[in-house]
Protein backbone atom coordinates (compact mmCIF):
# COMPACT_ATOMS: atom_id res chain seq x y z
CA MET A 1 0.00 0.00 0.00
CA GLU A 2 1.34 3.41 -0.96
CA TYR A 3 2.11 5.93 1.75
CA VAL A 4 0.82 9.35 0.64
CA GLU A 5 1.72 12.51 2.52
CA GLY A 6 -0.53 15.43 1.74
CA ILE A 7 -3.85 17.10 2.43
CA SER A 8 -7.40 16.26 1.35
CA LEU A 9 -9.20 18.69 -0.92
CA HIS A 10 -11.83 19.09 1.80
CA GLN A 11 -9.23 20.24 4.32
CA LEU A 12 -7.55 22.44 1.73
CA VAL A 13 -10.77 24.35 0.97
CA LYS A 14 -11.85 24.58 4.60
CA ARG A 15 -8.50 26.07 5.61
CA HIS A 16 -7.76 28.30 2.62
CA GLY A 17 -11.12 28.92 0.93
CA PRO A 18 -12.39 28.11 -2.58
CA LEU A 19 -9.72 27.23 -5.11
CA GLU A 20 -8.56 29.29 -8.05
CA ILE A 21 -10.56 28.34 -11.15
CA ARG A 22 -7.79 26.67 -13.17
CA ARG A 23 -6.50 24.88 -10.12
CA ALA A 24 -9.93 23.42 -9.34
CA ALA A 25 -10.29 22.31 -12.97
CA HIS A 26 -6.90 20.57 -12.88
CA TYR A 27 -7.73 18.61 -9.74
CA ILE A 28 -11.13 17.51 -11.10
CA ALA A 29 -9.58 16.49 -14.43
CA GLN A 30 -6.94 14.42 -12.63
CA THR A 31 -9.63 12.66 -10.61
CA ALA A 32 -11.69 12.02 -13.74
CA ALA A 33 -8.64 10.45 -15.40
CA GLY A 34 -8.25 8.12 -12.41
CA LEU A 35 -11.94 7.20 -12.54
CA GLU A 36 -11.61 6.49 -16.25
CA HIS A 37 -8.95 3.90 -15.46
CA ALA A 38 -11.21 2.38 -12.77
CA HIS A 39 -14.10 2.39 -15.25
CA GLN A 40 -12.05 0.47 -17.79
CA CYS A 41 -11.31 -2.11 -15.08
CA GLY A 42 -15.00 -2.42 -14.24
CA TRP A 43 -14.89 -0.51 -10.94
CA VAL A 44 -17.29 2.08 -9.50
CA HIS A 45 -16.05 4.00 -6.45
CA ARG A 46 -19.48 5.06 -5.06
CA ASP A 47 -18.10 7.57 -2.53
CA ILE A 48 -16.28 10.29 -4.45
CA LYS A 49 -16.04 13.41 -2.28
CA PRO A 50 -13.43 16.05 -1.36
CA GLY A 51 -12.41 14.11 1.74
CA ASN A 52 -11.43 11.10 -0.39
CA LEU A 53 -9.20 13.07 -2.76
CA LEU A 54 -5.72 13.59 -1.35
CA LEU A 55 -3.37 16.19 -2.82
CA ASN A 56 0.33 15.42 -2.40
CA ARG A 57 3.25 17.87 -2.42
CA GLN A 58 3.79 17.41 -6.16
CA GLY A 59 0.24 18.53 -6.94
CA ILE A 60 -1.02 15.04 -7.82
CA VAL A 61 -4.49 13.98 -6.68
CA LYS A 62 -4.81 10.49 -5.19
CA ILE A 63 -8.21 8.77 -4.97
CA LEU A 64 -8.65 7.21 -1.52
CA ASP A 65 -11.06 4.81 0.20
CA MET A 66 -11.79 2.19 -2.42
CA GLY A 67 -13.48 0.15 0.32
CA LEU A 68 -16.93 0.93 -1.09
CA ALA A 69 -15.94 0.27 -4.69
CA ARG A 70 -17.92 -2.32 -6.55
CA PHE A 71 -16.70 -4.63 -9.30
CA PHE A 72 -19.19 -5.22 -12.09
CA GLU A 73 -18.95 -8.67 -13.60
CA GLU A 74 -21.48 -11.47 -13.75
CA ARG A 75 -19.41 -13.82 -11.62
CA TYR A 76 -19.73 -11.34 -8.75
CA GLU A 77 -23.52 -11.64 -8.71
CA LEU A 78 -23.41 -12.44 -4.97
CA THR A 79 -21.90 -9.02 -4.27
CA LYS A 80 -24.62 -7.43 -6.38
CA ARG A 81 -27.36 -9.15 -4.40
CA TYR A 82 -25.71 -8.11 -1.15
CA ASP A 83 -25.46 -4.45 -2.20
CA GLU A 84 -28.72 -4.00 -4.07
CA ASN A 85 -30.60 -2.64 -1.04
CA ALA A 86 -27.69 -0.77 0.56
CA VAL A 87 -27.43 3.02 0.35
CA ILE A 88 -23.69 3.68 0.18
CA GLY A 89 -22.11 7.12 -0.13
CA THR A 90 -21.97 10.50 1.59
CA ALA A 91 -25.21 12.49 1.66
CA ASP A 92 -23.58 15.76 0.54
CA TYR A 93 -22.20 14.21 -2.66
CA ILE A 94 -24.33 11.12 -3.35
CA SER A 95 -26.04 10.64 -6.71
CA PRO A 96 -29.86 10.43 -6.88
CA GLU A 97 -29.88 6.78 -7.96
CA GLN A 98 -27.68 5.66 -5.07
CA SER A 99 -30.49 6.33 -2.60
CA THR A 100 -33.33 5.03 -4.79
CA THR A 101 -31.93 2.18 -6.91
CA PRO A 102 -28.47 1.42 -5.49
CA HIS A 103 -28.21 -1.82 -7.47
CA GLU A 104 -28.24 0.23 -10.70
CA VAL A 105 -25.25 2.48 -9.94
CA ASP A 106 -22.53 2.73 -12.57
CA ILE A 107 -19.66 5.04 -13.45
CA ARG A 108 -22.13 7.87 -14.07
CA SER A 109 -22.89 7.89 -10.35
CA ASP A 110 -19.23 8.70 -9.73
CA ILE A 111 -19.45 11.47 -12.33
CA TYR A 112 -22.34 13.04 -10.40
CA SER A 113 -20.38 12.88 -7.13
CA LEU A 114 -17.33 14.36 -8.87
CA GLY A 115 -19.53 17.22 -10.13
CA ALA A 116 -20.71 17.88 -6.56
CA THR A 117 -17.06 17.88 -5.49
CA PHE A 118 -16.26 20.38 -8.27
CA TYR A 119 -19.09 22.56 -6.93
CA PHE A 120 -17.46 22.46 -3.47
CA LEU A 121 -13.98 23.38 -4.77
CA LEU A 122 -15.37 26.43 -6.57
CA THR A 123 -17.80 27.68 -3.90
CA GLY A 124 -16.45 26.36 -0.60
CA ARG A 125 -19.75 24.65 0.22
CA ALA A 126 -21.61 21.45 -0.66
CA PRO A 127 -24.54 21.68 -3.13
CA PHE A 128 -27.08 21.17 -0.32
CA GLU A 129 -25.69 22.23 3.03
CA GLU A 130 -28.80 22.67 5.16
CA GLY A 131 -31.12 19.91 6.25
CA THR A 132 -31.01 16.41 7.63
CA VAL A 133 -29.46 13.45 5.87
CA ALA A 134 -32.88 12.32 4.64
CA GLN A 135 -33.61 15.80 3.29
CA LYS A 136 -30.29 15.97 1.47
CA LEU A 137 -30.92 12.59 -0.15
CA LEU A 138 -34.30 13.86 -1.33
CA TRP A 139 -32.97 17.18 -2.60
CA HIS A 140 -30.34 15.44 -4.72
CA GLN A 141 -33.29 13.77 -6.46
CA VAL A 142 -35.67 16.72 -6.93
CA ARG A 143 -33.83 20.02 -6.42
CA LYS A 144 -31.12 21.95 -8.21
CA PRO A 145 -28.38 23.48 -6.07
CA PRO A 146 -27.88 27.27 -6.06
CA PRO A 147 -26.15 28.35 -9.29
CA ILE A 148 -22.39 28.54 -8.91
CA ARG A 149 -22.17 32.01 -10.43
CA SER A 150 -24.65 33.30 -7.83
CA LEU A 151 -22.09 32.36 -5.19
CA ARG A 152 -18.95 33.12 -7.23
CA PRO A 153 -19.48 35.39 -10.24
CA ASP A 154 -15.92 35.01 -11.60
CA VAL A 155 -16.52 31.38 -12.57
CA PRO A 156 -16.91 31.17 -16.38
CA ARG A 157 -20.37 30.24 -17.65
CA ALA A 158 -18.88 27.38 -19.63
CA MET A 159 -17.37 25.89 -16.48
CA GLU A 160 -20.66 26.29 -14.66
CA ALA A 161 -22.33 24.40 -17.50
CA VAL A 162 -19.82 21.54 -17.12
CA VAL A 163 -20.68 21.22 -13.43
CA GLU A 164 -24.42 21.28 -14.16
CA LYS A 165 -24.07 18.53 -16.76
CA MET A 166 -22.03 16.39 -14.37
CA MET A 167 -24.81 16.80 -11.78
CA ALA A 168 -27.79 16.16 -14.04
CA LYS A 169 -30.59 14.26 -12.26
CA SER A 170 -30.89 11.76 -15.10
CA ARG A 171 -27.86 9.61 -15.79
CA ARG A 172 -28.55 9.83 -19.53
CA GLU A 173 -28.05 13.62 -19.42
CA ARG A 174 -24.65 13.46 -17.72
CA PHE A 175 -21.27 12.83 -19.25
CA GLN A 176 -21.28 9.11 -19.94
CA THR A 177 -17.61 8.46 -19.09
CA PRO A 178 -14.98 10.24 -17.00
CA LYS A 179 -12.94 10.65 -20.18
CA GLU A 180 -15.61 13.03 -21.49
CA VAL A 181 -15.19 15.15 -18.35
CA VAL A 182 -11.45 15.39 -18.97
CA GLY A 183 -12.15 16.60 -22.50
CA ALA A 184 -14.72 19.17 -21.33
CA LEU A 185 -12.17 20.72 -18.94
CA ALA A 186 -9.34 20.87 -21.47
CA ALA A 187 -9.79 24.62 -21.98
CA TRP A 188 -8.66 25.24 -18.39
CA THR A 189 -6.13 22.42 -18.01
CA TRP A 190 -3.97 22.54 -21.16
CA THR A 191 -1.27 24.52 -19.29
CA PRO A 192 0.31 23.06 -16.13
CA ILE A 193 -0.07 24.62 -12.70
CA PRO A 194 2.55 24.82 -9.93
CA PRO A 195 2.45 22.39 -7.01
CA PRO A 196 0.72 23.51 -3.81
CA SER A 197 2.64 25.88 -1.58
CA GLU A 198 4.42 24.55 1.47
CA SER A 199 2.10 26.58 3.71
CA GLU A 200 -0.86 24.59 2.42
CA MET A 201 0.73 21.24 3.18
CA PRO A 202 0.94 19.57 6.60
CA PRO A 203 4.32 19.66 8.39
CA ARG A 204 6.85 17.32 6.85
CA ARG A 205 7.27 14.05 8.65
CA LYS A 206 10.49 12.21 9.13
CA ASP A 207 11.35 9.20 7.03
CA PRO A 208 8.96 6.38 8.08
CA ALA A 209 11.93 3.98 8.18
CA SER A 210 13.72 6.11 10.77
CA ILE A 211 10.53 6.29 12.83
CA LEU A 212 10.28 2.49 12.85
CA LYS A 213 13.93 2.19 13.88
CA ARG A 214 13.36 4.58 16.79
CA ILE A 215 10.30 2.63 17.91
CA ALA A 216 12.24 -0.65 17.75
CA GLN A 217 15.05 0.86 19.85
CA ARG A 218 12.57 1.99 22.50
CA VAL A 219 11.04 -1.48 22.62
CA ARG A 220 14.47 -3.05 23.16
CA GLU A 221 15.26 -0.56 25.94
CA ALA A 222 11.95 -1.30 27.65
CA GLN A 223 12.63 -5.04 27.47
CA ALA A 224 16.10 -4.54 28.96
CA ARG A 225 14.68 -2.51 31.84
CA SER A 226 12.12 -5.21 32.56
CA GLN A 227 14.92 -7.77 33.03
CA SER A 228 16.92 -5.75 35.62
CA PRO A 229 15.80 -4.31 38.99
CA ALA A 230 15.32 -0.59 39.30
CA ARG A 231 16.03 1.58 42.32
CA VAL A 232 13.71 4.29 43.53
CA SER A 233 14.06 6.71 46.39
CA SER A 234 11.22 6.93 48.85
CA PRO A 235 10.21 10.02 50.80
CA SER A 236 10.78 10.27 54.52
CA GLY A 237 8.92 7.58 56.39
CA ALA A 238 7.31 6.11 53.26
CA PHE A 239 7.17 2.33 53.25
CA GLY A 240 9.04 2.24 56.54
CA THR A 241 12.25 3.73 55.14
CA SER A 242 14.39 6.49 56.46
CA PRO A 243 14.86 9.79 54.59
CA GLY A 244 17.02 9.58 51.50
CA THR A 245 17.06 5.80 51.35
CA SER A 246 16.28 3.79 48.26
CA ARG A 247 15.00 0.33 47.61
CA ASP A 248 15.16 -2.13 44.73
CA ILE A 249 12.18 -2.78 42.54
CA PRO A 250 12.48 -6.36 41.32
CA SER A 251 12.33 -7.16 37.65
CA SER A 252 9.46 -9.13 36.20
CA SER A 253 11.54 -12.34 36.13
CA GLN A 254 12.48 -11.89 39.78
CA VAL A 255 8.86 -11.34 40.71
CA LEU A 256 7.83 -14.54 38.93
CA SER A 257 10.65 -16.52 40.60
CA ALA A 258 9.77 -15.18 44.03
CA GLN A 259 6.13 -15.96 43.46
CA ALA A 260 6.98 -19.55 42.49
CA SER A 261 9.15 -19.96 45.61
CA ASN A 262 6.45 -18.50 47.79
CA ASP A 263 3.89 -20.87 46.31
CA ALA A 264 6.19 -23.86 46.93
CA GLY A 265 6.89 -22.74 50.52
CA GLN A 266 3.22 -22.24 51.15
CA LYS A 267 2.45 -25.74 49.92
CA SER A 268 5.25 -27.22 52.10
CA GLY A 269 4.00 -25.32 55.13
CA GLU A 270 0.51 -26.59 54.51
CA SER A 271 1.81 -30.18 54.34
CA ILE A 272 3.73 -29.82 57.62
CA PHE A 273 0.74 -28.23 59.29
CA ASN A 274 -1.54 -31.05 58.12
CA TYR A 275 0.95 -33.68 59.35
CA SER A 276 1.18 -31.96 62.76
CA ASN A 277 -2.58 -31.98 63.03
CA MET A 278 -2.63 -35.69 62.24
CA VAL A 279 -0.02 -36.46 64.92
CA GLY A 280 -1.87 -34.32 67.43
CA GLU A 281 -5.14 -36.07 66.71
CA THR A 282 -3.42 -39.47 67.18
CA ALA A 283 -1.98 -38.38 70.54
CA ASN A 284 -5.38 -37.14 71.66
CA SER A 285 -6.88 -40.49 70.74
CA ALA A 286 -4.20 -42.27 72.80
CA VAL A 287 -4.89 -40.08 75.81
CA GLN A 288 -8.58 -40.78 75.52
CA VAL A 289 -7.96 -44.55 75.29
CA ALA A 290 -5.51 -44.70 78.27
CA PRO A 291 -8.13 -44.11 81.03
CA THR A 292 -10.31 -46.83 79.52
CA VAL A 293 -7.45 -49.35 79.62
CA SER A 294 -6.60 -48.37 83.20
CA ASP A 295 -10.21 -48.78 84.31
CA LYS A 296 -10.42 -52.22 82.73
CA ALA A 297 -7.17 -53.28 84.42
CA LYS A 298 -8.49 -52.24 87.81
CA SER A 299 -11.72 -54.10 87.22
CA THR A 300 -9.77 -57.39 86.83
CA THR A 301 -7.85 -57.23 90.16
CA HIS A 302 -10.36 -59.58 91.88
CA LEU A 303 -9.34 -62.28 89.42
CA ARG A 304 -5.70 -62.33 90.61
CA PRO A 305 -4.38 -65.38 92.55
CA PRO A 306 -4.24 -64.96 96.33
CA ASP A 307 -0.45 -64.66 96.40
CA VAL A 308 -0.44 -61.65 94.08
CA ASN A 309 -0.26 -58.32 95.82
CA PRO A 310 -2.88 -56.08 94.37
CA ASP A 311 -0.84 -53.04 95.37
CA VAL A 312 1.99 -53.95 93.02
CA ASN A 313 2.16 -51.63 90.03
CA MET A 314 0.86 -53.36 86.95
CA THR A 315 3.48 -51.60 84.94
CA GLU A 316 6.22 -53.54 86.74
CA ASP A 317 4.45 -56.82 85.85
CA VAL A 318 4.26 -55.83 82.23
CA GLU A 319 7.88 -54.77 82.11
CA THR A 320 8.98 -58.03 83.79
CA SER A 321 6.96 -60.07 81.33
CA MET A 322 8.41 -58.17 78.42
CA GLY A 323 11.94 -58.63 79.77
CA THR A 324 11.44 -62.37 80.16
CA ALA A 325 10.03 -62.67 76.67
CA SER A 326 12.97 -60.75 75.31
CA ALA A 327 15.48 -62.98 77.11
CA GLU A 328 13.79 -66.14 75.88
CA GLY A 329 13.74 -64.80 72.37
CA SER A 330 17.45 -64.03 72.53
CA GLY A 331 18.22 -67.50 73.83
CA GLN A 332 16.29 -69.10 71.01
CA SER A 333 18.17 -67.01 68.51
CA ARG A 334 21.56 -68.13 69.90
CA GLU A 335 20.50 -71.78 69.83
CA GLN A 336 19.49 -71.45 66.18
CA LEU A 337 22.88 -69.99 65.39
């Protein structure tokens, strides 16, 4: 896609007023030549207006916004069906048929819109300025705009007649091709005109390639800063620091690493806590069982033989029994060896 630096004809007129007669004729003839090429390729723009005509520093008019253009061939019948009920265009410059029978638009619709644009370049206003969008659409169908010479008497009658023919309500009464428009304006375009003055153009921009290089450098610097910690000074008492002190701001990678460590530590702490709870619950169960065992032991003292002293600690009996069993087990192990 071509990069074009310049100003639209709409902005040019709004900032500097109506154009000089020959200059306006040159710009319209250039646009008509471009539309003739589109016509030969089967294209209709459908939104010709001053805002879509860009004037570059060399004085060449570029036709913009081909997004509404329509290609007329039978194999694109689907596009035709899709567009046949759509009103496409700008109300100030739209042809009558675009709002009534949009499926019938052809290159003559662009010629009408170019005539309305010519009207604007010469007078500084659209053909129908007042009214709502609906009213403007209607007036393009049934009204004639104020005569150009009533607004600008220095415009030649022959040029006014060219504009009126371009804006005829019936397509059959207009110029039938853009090439005819170029021929009709030849009397005012046979000598070249100088390029627009520098004061009319927007400020020059730097080379787009250098702009991209500068953007890329800033991206690399930002990435480098994100990988290393920064230091900032905090005011007195802020964040618990003393006056004049500074603290490190971790990089994004450090933050992610610390977060991962914190998550791992949190999970480990949760595991230890759960294990401690389990041990504590086991100990509590043992404490609750101990009194029950003691009570049952006491309840069996009447079953002891007469020679057993009931005052003897049952723990000593258990320990003695365990010691004897251990000694016997050791003896059996030595005999097996």
